[in-house]
């Protein structure tokens, strides 16, 4: 079954950026289930988002996922990129 894949890749204005996609888990992925939703994290991204809180926000200006990452030393104004 497909789940929500959360990953980190190089880029963005602060060095790293978060990515989200619907995907199937591979053998080496970390799979966690929250309220019936499968969350998939690859082993390379896991250390960067460890202890992070991911939420979905739907406001007047925009809608999307918000990541609150206590490991990030700096974040950008858009909230989608960070640096460690």
N, C-alpha and C. Protein backbone atom coordinates (compact mmCIF):
# COMPACT_ATOMS: atom_id res chain seq x y z
N UNK A 1 0.83 -1.20 0.00
CA UNK A 1 0.00 0.00 0.00
C UNK A 1 0.87 1.26 0.00
N UNK A 2 0.33 2.31 -0.57
CA UNK A 2 1.06 3.57 -0.63
C UNK A 2 0.90 4.34 0.68
N UNK A 3 1.92 5.13 0.98
CA UNK A 3 1.92 5.97 2.16
C UNK A 3 2.53 7.31 1.83
N UNK A 4 2.62 8.17 2.82
CA UNK A 4 3.22 9.49 2.65
C UNK A 4 4.72 9.39 2.89
N UNK A 5 5.50 9.61 1.83
CA UNK A 5 6.95 9.60 1.95
C UNK A 5 7.41 11.02 2.28
N UNK A 6 8.22 11.13 3.34
CA UNK A 6 8.83 12.40 3.72
C UNK A 6 10.33 12.22 3.53
N UNK A 7 10.94 13.16 2.81
CA UNK A 7 12.37 13.02 2.54
C UNK A 7 13.05 14.39 2.59
N UNK A 8 14.36 14.34 2.66
CA UNK A 8 15.19 15.55 2.67
C UNK A 8 16.13 15.47 1.48
N UNK A 9 16.26 16.59 0.78
CA UNK A 9 17.19 16.65 -0.35
C UNK A 9 17.93 17.97 -0.31
N UNK A 10 19.06 18.03 -0.98
CA UNK A 10 19.81 19.27 -1.06
C UNK A 10 19.07 20.29 -1.89
N UNK A 11 19.18 21.55 -1.47
CA UNK A 11 18.52 22.62 -2.22
C UNK A 11 17.81 23.58 -1.30
N UNK A 12 16.98 24.42 -1.88
CA UNK A 12 16.29 25.42 -1.09
C UNK A 12 17.23 26.55 -0.73
N UNK A 13 16.72 27.57 -0.09
CA UNK A 13 17.54 28.74 0.21
C UNK A 13 18.40 28.54 1.45
N UNK A 14 18.20 27.46 2.22
CA UNK A 14 18.99 27.25 3.44
C UNK A 14 19.89 26.02 3.37
N UNK A 15 19.91 25.29 2.27
CA UNK A 15 20.81 24.15 2.12
C UNK A 15 20.11 22.82 1.93
N UNK A 16 19.06 22.56 2.70
CA UNK A 16 18.27 21.33 2.57
C UNK A 16 16.81 21.71 2.44
N UNK A 17 16.06 20.85 1.78
CA UNK A 17 14.62 21.09 1.70
C UNK A 17 13.85 19.80 1.90
N UNK A 18 12.64 19.93 2.41
CA UNK A 18 11.77 18.79 2.64
C UNK A 18 11.01 18.47 1.37
N UNK A 19 10.72 17.20 1.20
CA UNK A 19 9.90 16.76 0.08
C UNK A 19 8.85 15.78 0.57
N UNK A 20 7.73 15.75 -0.13
CA UNK A 20 6.62 14.87 0.22
C UNK A 20 6.08 14.23 -1.05
N UNK A 21 5.77 12.95 -0.98
CA UNK A 21 5.17 12.27 -2.13
C UNK A 21 4.40 11.05 -1.63
N UNK A 22 3.52 10.57 -2.46
CA UNK A 22 2.83 9.31 -2.17
C UNK A 22 3.66 8.21 -2.82
N UNK A 23 3.99 7.18 -2.03
CA UNK A 23 4.91 6.17 -2.53
C UNK A 23 4.68 4.87 -1.76
N UNK A 24 5.28 3.81 -2.26
CA UNK A 24 5.30 2.53 -1.56
C UNK A 24 6.65 2.38 -0.87
N UNK A 25 6.64 1.75 0.28
CA UNK A 25 7.87 1.56 1.05
C UNK A 25 8.76 0.52 0.39
N UNK A 26 10.06 0.77 0.45
CA UNK A 26 11.02 -0.24 0.02
C UNK A 26 11.56 -0.95 1.25
N UNK A 27 12.36 -1.96 1.03
CA UNK A 27 12.81 -2.84 2.10
C UNK A 27 13.58 -2.11 3.21
N UNK A 28 14.38 -1.10 2.88
CA UNK A 28 15.21 -0.45 3.89
C UNK A 28 14.59 0.82 4.48
N UNK A 29 13.37 1.17 4.10
CA UNK A 29 12.70 2.36 4.63
C UNK A 29 12.22 2.15 6.06
N UNK A 30 12.10 3.26 6.78
CA UNK A 30 11.44 3.28 8.08
C UNK A 30 9.96 3.55 7.81
N UNK A 31 9.08 2.74 8.37
CA UNK A 31 7.64 2.91 8.16
C UNK A 31 6.98 3.05 9.53
N UNK A 32 6.24 4.15 9.69
CA UNK A 32 5.54 4.45 10.94
C UNK A 32 4.08 4.73 10.57
N UNK A 33 3.16 4.28 11.39
CA UNK A 33 1.76 4.54 11.10
C UNK A 33 1.17 5.48 12.15
N UNK A 34 0.52 6.55 11.69
CA UNK A 34 -0.15 7.52 12.54
C UNK A 34 -1.60 7.65 12.09
N UNK A 35 -2.52 7.34 12.97
CA UNK A 35 -3.96 7.47 12.68
C UNK A 35 -4.34 6.84 11.35
N UNK A 36 -3.78 5.67 11.06
CA UNK A 36 -4.12 4.95 9.85
C UNK A 36 -3.37 5.39 8.61
N UNK A 37 -2.46 6.37 8.74
CA UNK A 37 -1.67 6.85 7.60
C UNK A 37 -0.25 6.32 7.75
N UNK A 38 0.23 5.66 6.71
CA UNK A 38 1.59 5.14 6.70
C UNK A 38 2.55 6.26 6.32
N UNK A 39 3.55 6.51 7.17
CA UNK A 39 4.58 7.51 6.89
C UNK A 39 5.87 6.75 6.60
N UNK A 40 6.49 7.09 5.47
CA UNK A 40 7.69 6.39 5.00
C UNK A 40 8.86 7.36 4.98
N UNK A 41 9.98 6.93 5.58
CA UNK A 41 11.19 7.77 5.61
C UNK A 41 12.37 6.90 5.21
N UNK A 42 13.14 7.37 4.25
CA UNK A 42 14.30 6.60 3.81
C UNK A 42 15.44 6.77 4.82
N UNK A 43 16.38 5.81 4.86
CA UNK A 43 17.46 5.85 5.85
C UNK A 43 18.37 7.08 5.74
N UNK A 44 18.52 7.65 4.55
CA UNK A 44 19.37 8.84 4.39
C UNK A 44 18.71 10.09 4.98
N UNK A 45 17.39 10.18 4.89
CA UNK A 45 16.65 11.35 5.39
C UNK A 45 16.38 11.27 6.89
N UNK A 46 16.30 10.07 7.43
CA UNK A 46 15.90 9.88 8.83
C UNK A 46 16.70 10.71 9.82
N UNK A 47 18.04 10.76 9.75
CA UNK A 47 18.78 11.55 10.74
C UNK A 47 18.48 13.05 10.66
N UNK A 48 18.13 13.55 9.49
CA UNK A 48 17.85 14.98 9.32
C UNK A 48 16.51 15.39 9.90
N UNK A 49 15.56 14.46 9.95
CA UNK A 49 14.22 14.83 10.42
C UNK A 49 13.84 14.11 11.72
N UNK A 50 14.82 13.49 12.34
CA UNK A 50 14.59 12.80 13.61
C UNK A 50 14.03 13.80 14.63
N UNK A 51 13.02 13.42 15.35
CA UNK A 51 12.31 14.20 16.38
C UNK A 51 11.51 15.38 15.82
N UNK A 52 11.34 15.44 14.51
CA UNK A 52 10.55 16.52 13.90
C UNK A 52 9.06 16.24 14.06
N UNK A 53 8.28 17.31 14.00
CA UNK A 53 6.83 17.21 14.01
C UNK A 53 6.34 17.68 12.65
N UNK A 54 5.54 16.84 12.00
CA UNK A 54 4.98 17.18 10.68
C UNK A 54 3.49 17.38 10.85
N UNK A 55 2.99 18.49 10.33
CA UNK A 55 1.57 18.81 10.43
C UNK A 55 1.09 19.31 9.08
N UNK A 56 -0.20 19.24 8.87
CA UNK A 56 -0.80 19.77 7.65
C UNK A 56 -1.59 21.01 8.02
N UNK A 57 -1.32 22.10 7.34
CA UNK A 57 -1.98 23.37 7.61
C UNK A 57 -2.78 23.80 6.40
N UNK A 58 -4.00 24.20 6.63
CA UNK A 58 -4.84 24.69 5.54
C UNK A 58 -5.36 26.06 5.95
N UNK A 59 -4.73 27.11 5.40
CA UNK A 59 -5.10 28.47 5.76
C UNK A 59 -5.58 29.25 4.56
N UNK A 60 -5.86 30.51 4.78
CA UNK A 60 -6.33 31.37 3.71
C UNK A 60 -5.27 31.62 2.65
N UNK A 61 -4.02 31.72 3.06
CA UNK A 61 -2.93 32.04 2.13
C UNK A 61 -2.39 30.82 1.40
N UNK A 62 -2.33 29.69 2.11
CA UNK A 62 -1.79 28.48 1.48
C UNK A 62 -2.19 27.25 2.27
N UNK A 63 -1.94 26.10 1.69
CA UNK A 63 -2.18 24.82 2.36
C UNK A 63 -0.99 23.93 2.08
N UNK A 64 -0.61 23.14 3.07
CA UNK A 64 0.50 22.23 2.86
C UNK A 64 1.07 21.73 4.17
N UNK A 65 2.10 20.92 4.06
CA UNK A 65 2.74 20.35 5.22
C UNK A 65 3.71 21.35 5.84
N UNK A 66 3.76 21.33 7.16
CA UNK A 66 4.69 22.16 7.92
C UNK A 66 5.55 21.21 8.74
N UNK A 67 6.86 21.42 8.70
CA UNK A 67 7.78 20.60 9.48
C UNK A 67 8.41 21.48 10.55
N UNK A 68 8.25 21.08 11.81
CA UNK A 68 8.93 21.75 12.92
C UNK A 68 10.07 20.83 13.33
N UNK A 69 11.28 21.23 12.95
CA UNK A 69 12.46 20.40 13.12
C UNK A 69 13.36 21.00 14.19
N UNK A 70 13.44 20.38 15.39
CA UNK A 70 14.30 20.93 16.44
C UNK A 70 15.79 20.80 16.12
N UNK A 71 16.16 20.01 15.12
CA UNK A 71 17.55 19.85 14.73
C UNK A 71 18.03 20.97 13.82
N UNK A 72 17.12 21.72 13.21
CA UNK A 72 17.49 22.77 12.26
C UNK A 72 18.05 23.98 12.99
N UNK A 73 19.23 24.42 12.57
CA UNK A 73 19.84 25.61 13.16
C UNK A 73 19.26 26.87 12.54
N UNK A 74 18.96 26.82 11.25
CA UNK A 74 18.32 27.94 10.58
C UNK A 74 17.25 27.41 9.64
N UNK A 75 16.21 28.20 9.44
CA UNK A 75 15.16 27.86 8.48
C UNK A 75 14.90 29.10 7.63
N UNK A 76 14.29 28.89 6.49
CA UNK A 76 13.98 30.02 5.63
C UNK A 76 12.57 30.54 5.94
N UNK A 77 12.24 31.67 5.40
CA UNK A 77 10.93 32.27 5.62
C UNK A 77 9.77 31.43 5.13
N UNK A 78 10.00 30.65 4.06
CA UNK A 78 8.91 29.84 3.51
C UNK A 78 8.67 28.58 4.33
N UNK A 79 9.63 28.21 5.19
CA UNK A 79 9.47 27.05 6.04
C UNK A 79 9.73 25.72 5.38
N UNK A 80 10.16 25.72 4.14
CA UNK A 80 10.37 24.45 3.45
C UNK A 80 11.84 24.09 3.31
N UNK A 81 12.75 24.94 3.77
CA UNK A 81 14.17 24.58 3.73
C UNK A 81 14.82 24.92 5.06
N UNK A 82 15.96 24.26 5.31
CA UNK A 82 16.62 24.40 6.61
C UNK A 82 18.11 24.11 6.46
N UNK A 83 18.85 24.38 7.52
CA UNK A 83 20.27 24.06 7.59
C UNK A 83 20.56 23.49 8.96
N UNK A 84 21.51 22.57 9.03
CA UNK A 84 21.88 21.96 10.31
C UNK A 84 23.16 22.51 10.85
